Amino acid sequence: MFENWGKEELGLIIFNSIGIIIALWFLTSRLRNKLVEVEGRRENYGRSNNLKKLEEE
């Protein structure tokens, strides 16, 4: 199967592999940033609720 492959096919496979790696890196970095943002919002939300409870008492 691979005997008939030329430089073009191998070049395309390498090119596509690099593209997939870049896409995965981009998506994982976006996901990590979003998770950090959500955790920050949760912390702020928890603090504001605690302050409201303290003010009510």
PDB file of N, CA and C in Angstrom:
ATOM      1  N   MET A   1       0.822  -1.189   0.000  1.00  0.00           N
ATOM      2  CA  MET A   1       0.000   0.000   0.000  1.00  0.00           C
ATOM      3  C   MET A   1       0.870   1.259   0.000  1.00  0.00           C
ATOM      4  N   PHE A   2       1.862   1.275   0.857  1.00  0.00           N
ATOM      5  CA  PHE A   2       2.689   2.475   0.969  1.00  0.00           C
ATOM      6  C   PHE A   2       3.761   2.563  -0.110  1.00  0.00           C
ATOM      7  N   GLU A   3       3.971   1.483  -0.854  1.00  0.00           N
ATOM      8  CA  GLU A   3       5.007   1.501  -1.892  1.00  0.00           C
ATOM      9  C   GLU A   3       4.666   2.491  -3.000  1.00  0.00           C
ATOM     10  N   ASN A   4       3.401   2.705  -3.250  1.00  0.00           N
ATOM     11  CA  ASN A   4       2.974   3.554  -4.361  1.00  0.00           C
ATOM     12  C   ASN A   4       2.897   5.027  -3.981  1.00  0.00           C
ATOM     13  N   TRP A   5       3.169   5.336  -2.748  1.00  0.00           N
ATOM     14  CA  TRP A   5       3.062   6.721  -2.306  1.00  0.00           C
ATOM     15  C   TRP A   5       4.292   7.505  -2.727  1.00  0.00           C
ATOM     16  N   GLY A   6       4.053   8.713  -3.194  1.00  0.00           N
ATOM     17  CA  GLY A   6       5.146   9.581  -3.591  1.00  0.00           C
ATOM     18  C   GLY A   6       5.380  10.665  -2.558  1.00  0.00           C
ATOM     19  N   LYS A   7       6.175  11.624  -2.946  1.00  0.00           N
ATOM     20  CA  LYS A   7       6.499  12.735  -2.052  1.00  0.00           C
ATOM     21  C   LYS A   7       5.271  13.591  -1.762  1.00  0.00           C
ATOM     22  N   GLU A   8       4.374  13.710  -2.732  1.00  0.00           N
ATOM     23  CA  GLU A   8       3.184  14.538  -2.534  1.00  0.00           C
ATOM     24  C   GLU A   8       2.299  13.990  -1.420  1.00  0.00           C
ATOM     25  N   GLU A   9       2.054  12.701  -1.443  1.00  0.00           N
ATOM     26  CA  GLU A   9       1.192  12.094  -0.435  1.00  0.00           C
ATOM     27  C   GLU A   9       1.811  12.208   0.955  1.00  0.00           C
ATOM     28  N   LEU A  10       3.099  11.925   1.049  1.00  0.00           N
ATOM     29  CA  LEU A  10       3.774  12.034   2.345  1.00  0.00           C
ATOM     30  C   LEU A  10       3.797  13.472   2.832  1.00  0.00           C
ATOM     31  N   GLY A  11       3.993  14.401   1.914  1.00  0.00           N
ATOM     32  CA  GLY A  11       3.962  15.819   2.276  1.00  0.00           C
ATOM     33  C   GLY A  11       2.595  16.236   2.788  1.00  0.00           C
ATOM     34  N   LEU A  12       1.545  15.747   2.144  1.00  0.00           N
ATOM     35  CA  LEU A  12       0.188  16.064   2.591  1.00  0.00           C
ATOM     36  C   LEU A  12      -0.104  15.473   3.969  1.00  0.00           C
ATOM     37  N   ILE A  13       0.373  14.270   4.211  1.00  0.00           N
ATOM     38  CA  ILE A  13       0.163  13.657   5.529  1.00  0.00           C
ATOM     39  C   ILE A  13       0.873  14.458   6.604  1.00  0.00           C
ATOM     40  N   ILE A  14       2.090  14.872   6.328  1.00  0.00           N
ATOM     41  CA  ILE A  14       2.844  15.673   7.309  1.00  0.00           C
ATOM     42  C   ILE A  14       2.156  17.020   7.507  1.00  0.00           C
ATOM     43  N   PHE A  15       1.737  17.650   6.435  1.00  0.00           N
ATOM     44  CA  PHE A  15       1.048  18.943   6.513  1.00  0.00           C
ATOM     45  C   PHE A  15      -0.237  18.826   7.328  1.00  0.00           C
ATOM     46  N   ASN A  16      -1.035  17.804   7.060  1.00  0.00           N
ATOM     47  CA  ASN A  16      -2.281  17.595   7.797  1.00  0.00           C
ATOM     48  C   ASN A  16      -2.012  17.286   9.267  1.00  0.00           C
ATOM     49  N   SER A  17      -0.985  16.523   9.543  1.00  0.00           N
ATOM     50  CA  SER A  17      -0.642  16.208  10.931  1.00  0.00           C
ATOM     51  C   SER A  17      -0.271  17.464  11.699  1.00  0.00           C
ATOM     52  N   ILE A  18       0.500  18.317  11.080  1.00  0.00           N
ATOM     53  CA  ILE A  18       0.875  19.582  11.724  1.00  0.00           C
ATOM     54  C   ILE A  18      -0.366  20.434  11.960  1.00  0.00           C
ATOM     55  N   GLY A  19      -1.269  20.479  10.996  1.00  0.00           N
ATOM     56  CA  GLY A  19      -2.514  21.231  11.155  1.00  0.00           C
ATOM     57  C   GLY A  19      -3.362  20.699  12.294  1.00  0.00           C
ATOM     58  N   ILE A  20      -3.459  19.391  12.424  1.00  0.00           N
ATOM     59  CA  ILE A  20      -4.230  18.786  13.518  1.00  0.00           C
ATOM     60  C   ILE A  20      -3.597  19.107  14.860  1.00  0.00           C
ATOM     61  N   ILE A  21      -2.279  19.052  14.941  1.00  0.00           N
ATOM     62  CA  ILE A  21      -1.581  19.363  16.190  1.00  0.00           C
ATOM     63  C   ILE A  21      -1.833  20.814  16.589  1.00  0.00           C
ATOM     64  N   ILE A  22      -1.749  21.719  15.635  1.00  0.00           N
ATOM     65  CA  ILE A  22      -1.995  23.142  15.933  1.00  0.00           C
ATOM     66  C   ILE A  22      -3.438  23.357  16.379  1.00  0.00           C
ATOM     67  N   ALA A  23      -4.385  22.706  15.714  1.00  0.00           N
ATOM     68  CA  ALA A  23      -5.799  22.851  16.086  1.00  0.00           C
ATOM     69  C   ALA A  23      -6.049  22.322  17.494  1.00  0.00           C
ATOM     70  N   LEU A  24      -5.487  21.178  17.824  1.00  0.00           N
ATOM     71  CA  LEU A  24      -5.648  20.619  19.169  1.00  0.00           C
ATOM     72  C   LEU A  24      -5.018  21.519  20.222  1.00  0.00           C
ATOM     73  N   TRP A  25      -3.844  22.053  19.925  1.00  0.00           N
ATOM     74  CA  TRP A  25      -3.188  22.965  20.870  1.00  0.00           C
ATOM     75  C   TRP A  25      -4.058  24.195  21.095  1.00  0.00           C
ATOM     76  N   PHE A  26      -4.594  24.751  20.018  1.00  0.00           N
ATOM     77  CA  PHE A  26      -5.434  25.939  20.122  1.00  0.00           C
ATOM     78  C   PHE A  26      -6.685  25.657  20.952  1.00  0.00           C
ATOM     79  N   LEU A  27      -7.358  24.556  20.664  1.00  0.00           N
ATOM     80  CA  LEU A  27      -8.589  24.238  21.384  1.00  0.00           C
ATOM     81  C   LEU A  27      -8.331  23.946  22.859  1.00  0.00           C
ATOM     82  N   THR A  28      -7.254  23.236  23.167  1.00  0.00           N
ATOM     83  CA  THR A  28      -6.970  22.953  24.579  1.00  0.00           C
ATOM     84  C   THR A  28      -6.595  24.217  25.332  1.00  0.00           C
ATOM     85  N   SER A  29      -5.872  25.127  24.689  1.00  0.00           N
ATOM     86  CA  SER A  29      -5.526  26.377  25.373  1.00  0.00           C
ATOM     87  C   SER A  29      -6.774  27.223  25.612  1.00  0.00           C
ATOM     88  N   ARG A  30      -7.685  27.247  24.647  1.00  0.00           N
ATOM     89  CA  ARG A  30      -8.948  27.985  24.836  1.00  0.00           C
ATOM     90  C   ARG A  30      -9.773  27.369  25.957  1.00  0.00           C
ATOM     91  N   LEU A  31      -9.809  26.049  26.009  1.00  0.00           N
ATOM     92  CA  LEU A  31     -10.569  25.362  27.049  1.00  0.00           C
ATOM     93  C   LEU A  31      -9.974  25.635  28.427  1.00  0.00           C
ATOM     94  N   ARG A  32      -8.656  25.585  28.533  1.00  0.00           N
ATOM     95  CA  ARG A  32      -8.001  25.886  29.819  1.00  0.00           C
ATOM     96  C   ARG A  32      -8.304  27.313  30.266  1.00  0.00           C
ATOM     97  N   ASN A  33      -8.208  28.256  29.353  1.00  0.00           N
ATOM     98  CA  ASN A  33      -8.505  29.655  29.691  1.00  0.00           C
ATOM     99  C   ASN A  33      -9.950  29.815  30.136  1.00  0.00           C
ATOM    100  N   LYS A  34     -10.859  29.128  29.475  1.00  0.00           N
ATOM    101  CA  LYS A  34     -12.277  29.223  29.837  1.00  0.00           C
ATOM    102  C   LYS A  34     -12.509  28.618  31.223  1.00  0.00           C
ATOM    103  N   LEU A  35     -11.857  27.511  31.527  1.00  0.00           N
ATOM    104  CA  LEU A  35     -12.007  26.893  32.846  1.00  0.00           C
ATOM    105  C   LEU A  35     -11.464  27.797  33.949  1.00  0.00           C
ATOM    106  N   VAL A  36     -10.361  28.469  33.691  1.00  0.00           N
ATOM    107  CA  VAL A  36      -9.819  29.412  34.662  1.00  0.00           C
ATOM    108  C   VAL A  36     -10.803  30.556  34.885  1.00  0.00           C
ATOM    109  N   GLU A  37     -11.405  31.029  33.817  1.00  0.00           N
ATOM    110  CA  GLU A  37     -12.378  32.114  33.920  1.00  0.00           C
ATOM    111  C   GLU A  37     -13.604  31.678  34.725  1.00  0.00           C
ATOM    112  N   VAL A  38     -14.085  30.476  34.471  1.00  0.00           N
ATOM    113  CA  VAL A  38     -15.261  29.976  35.188  1.00  0.00           C
ATOM    114  C   VAL A  38     -14.944  29.799  36.669  1.00  0.00           C
ATOM    115  N   GLU A  39     -13.766  29.270  36.979  1.00  0.00           N
ATOM    116  CA  GLU A  39     -13.373  29.109  38.379  1.00  0.00           C
ATOM    117  C   GLU A  39     -13.290  30.465  39.070  1.00  0.00           C
ATOM    118  N   GLY A  40     -12.785  31.462  38.384  1.00  0.00           N
ATOM    119  CA  GLY A  40     -12.722  32.809  38.947  1.00  0.00           C
ATOM    120  C   GLY A  40     -14.106  33.364  39.211  1.00  0.00           C
ATOM    121  N   ARG A  41     -15.030  33.122  38.308  1.00  0.00           N
ATOM    122  CA  ARG A  41     -16.403  33.590  38.516  1.00  0.00           C
ATOM    123  C   ARG A  41     -17.043  32.887  39.698  1.00  0.00           C
ATOM    124  N   ARG A  42     -16.775  31.593  39.835  1.00  0.00           N
ATOM    125  CA  ARG A  42     -17.335  30.847  40.969  1.00  0.00           C
ATOM    126  C   ARG A  42     -16.813  31.402  42.286  1.00  0.00           C
ATOM    127  N   GLU A  43     -15.536  31.703  42.339  1.00  0.00           N
ATOM    128  CA  GLU A  43     -14.954  32.268  43.557  1.00  0.00           C
ATOM    129  C   GLU A  43     -15.598  33.612  43.876  1.00  0.00           C
ATOM    130  N   ASN A  44     -15.734  34.467  42.877  1.00  0.00           N
ATOM    131  CA  ASN A  44     -16.354  35.776  43.092  1.00  0.00           C
ATOM    132  C   ASN A  44     -17.817  35.640  43.492  1.00  0.00           C
ATOM    133  N   TYR A  45     -18.518  34.698  42.884  1.00  0.00           N
ATOM    134  CA  TYR A  45     -19.924  34.486  43.216  1.00  0.00           C
ATOM    135  C   TYR A  45     -20.056  33.995  44.661  1.00  0.00           C
ATOM    136  N   GLY A  46     -19.190  33.084  45.050  1.00  0.00           N
ATOM    137  CA  GLY A  46     -19.215  32.569  46.420  1.00  0.00           C
ATOM    138  C   GLY A  46     -18.908  33.654  47.431  1.00  0.00           C
ATOM    139  N   ARG A  47     -17.968  34.514  47.127  1.00  0.00           N
ATOM    140  CA  ARG A  47     -17.614  35.613  48.038  1.00  0.00           C
ATOM    141  C   ARG A  47     -18.768  36.600  48.168  1.00  0.00           C
ATOM    142  N   SER A  48     -19.419  36.921  47.055  1.00  0.00           N
ATOM    143  CA  SER A  48     -20.517  37.891  47.124  1.00  0.00           C
ATOM    144  C   SER A  48     -21.693  37.309  47.908  1.00  0.00           C
ATOM    145  N   ASN A  49     -21.949  36.017  47.785  1.00  0.00           N
ATOM    146  CA  ASN A  49     -23.017  35.392  48.564  1.00  0.00           C
ATOM    147  C   ASN A  49     -22.678  35.394  50.053  1.00  0.00           C
ATOM    148  N   ASN A  50     -21.420  35.126  50.374  1.00  0.00           N
ATOM    149  CA  ASN A  50     -21.006  35.131  51.772  1.00  0.00           C
ATOM    150  C   ASN A  50     -21.129  36.533  52.367  1.00  0.00           C
ATOM    151  N   LEU A  51     -20.789  37.550  51.591  1.00  0.00           N
ATOM    152  CA  LEU A  51     -20.910  38.918  52.075  1.00  0.00           C
ATOM    153  C   LEU A  51     -22.371  39.293  52.302  1.00  0.00           C
ATOM    154  N   LYS A  52     -23.245  38.870  51.420  1.00  0.00           N
ATOM    155  CA  LYS A  52     -24.669  39.167  51.569  1.00  0.00           C
ATOM    156  C   LYS A  52     -25.214  38.502  52.831  1.00  0.00           C
ATOM    157  N   LYS A  53     -24.802  37.272  53.080  1.00  0.00           N
ATOM    158  CA  LYS A  53     -25.259  36.564  54.278  1.00  0.00           C
ATOM    159  C   LYS A  53     -24.782  37.269  55.544  1.00  0.00           C
ATOM    160  N   LEU A  54     -23.527  37.741  55.523  1.00  0.00           N
ATOM    161  CA  LEU A  54     -22.969  38.438  56.670  1.00  0.00           C
ATOM    162  C   LEU A  54     -23.700  39.760  56.899  1.00  0.00           C
ATOM    163  N   GLU A  55     -24.043  40.464  55.810  1.00  0.00           N
ATOM    164  CA  GLU A  55     -24.753  41.735  55.928  1.00  0.00           C
ATOM    165  C   GLU A  55     -26.159  41.543  56.476  1.00  0.00           C
ATOM    166  N   GLU A  56     -26.780  40.431  56.133  1.00  0.00           N
ATOM    167  CA  GLU A  56     -28.142  40.163  56.601  1.00  0.00           C
ATOM    168  C   GLU A  56     -28.162  39.879  58.095  1.00  0.00           C
ATOM    169  N   GLU A  57     -27.096  39.300  58.599  1.00  0.00           N
ATOM    170  CA  GLU A  57     -27.043  38.939  60.022  1.00  0.00           C
ATOM    171  C   GLU A  57     -26.761  40.138  60.836  1.00  0.00           C
TER     172      GLU A  57
END
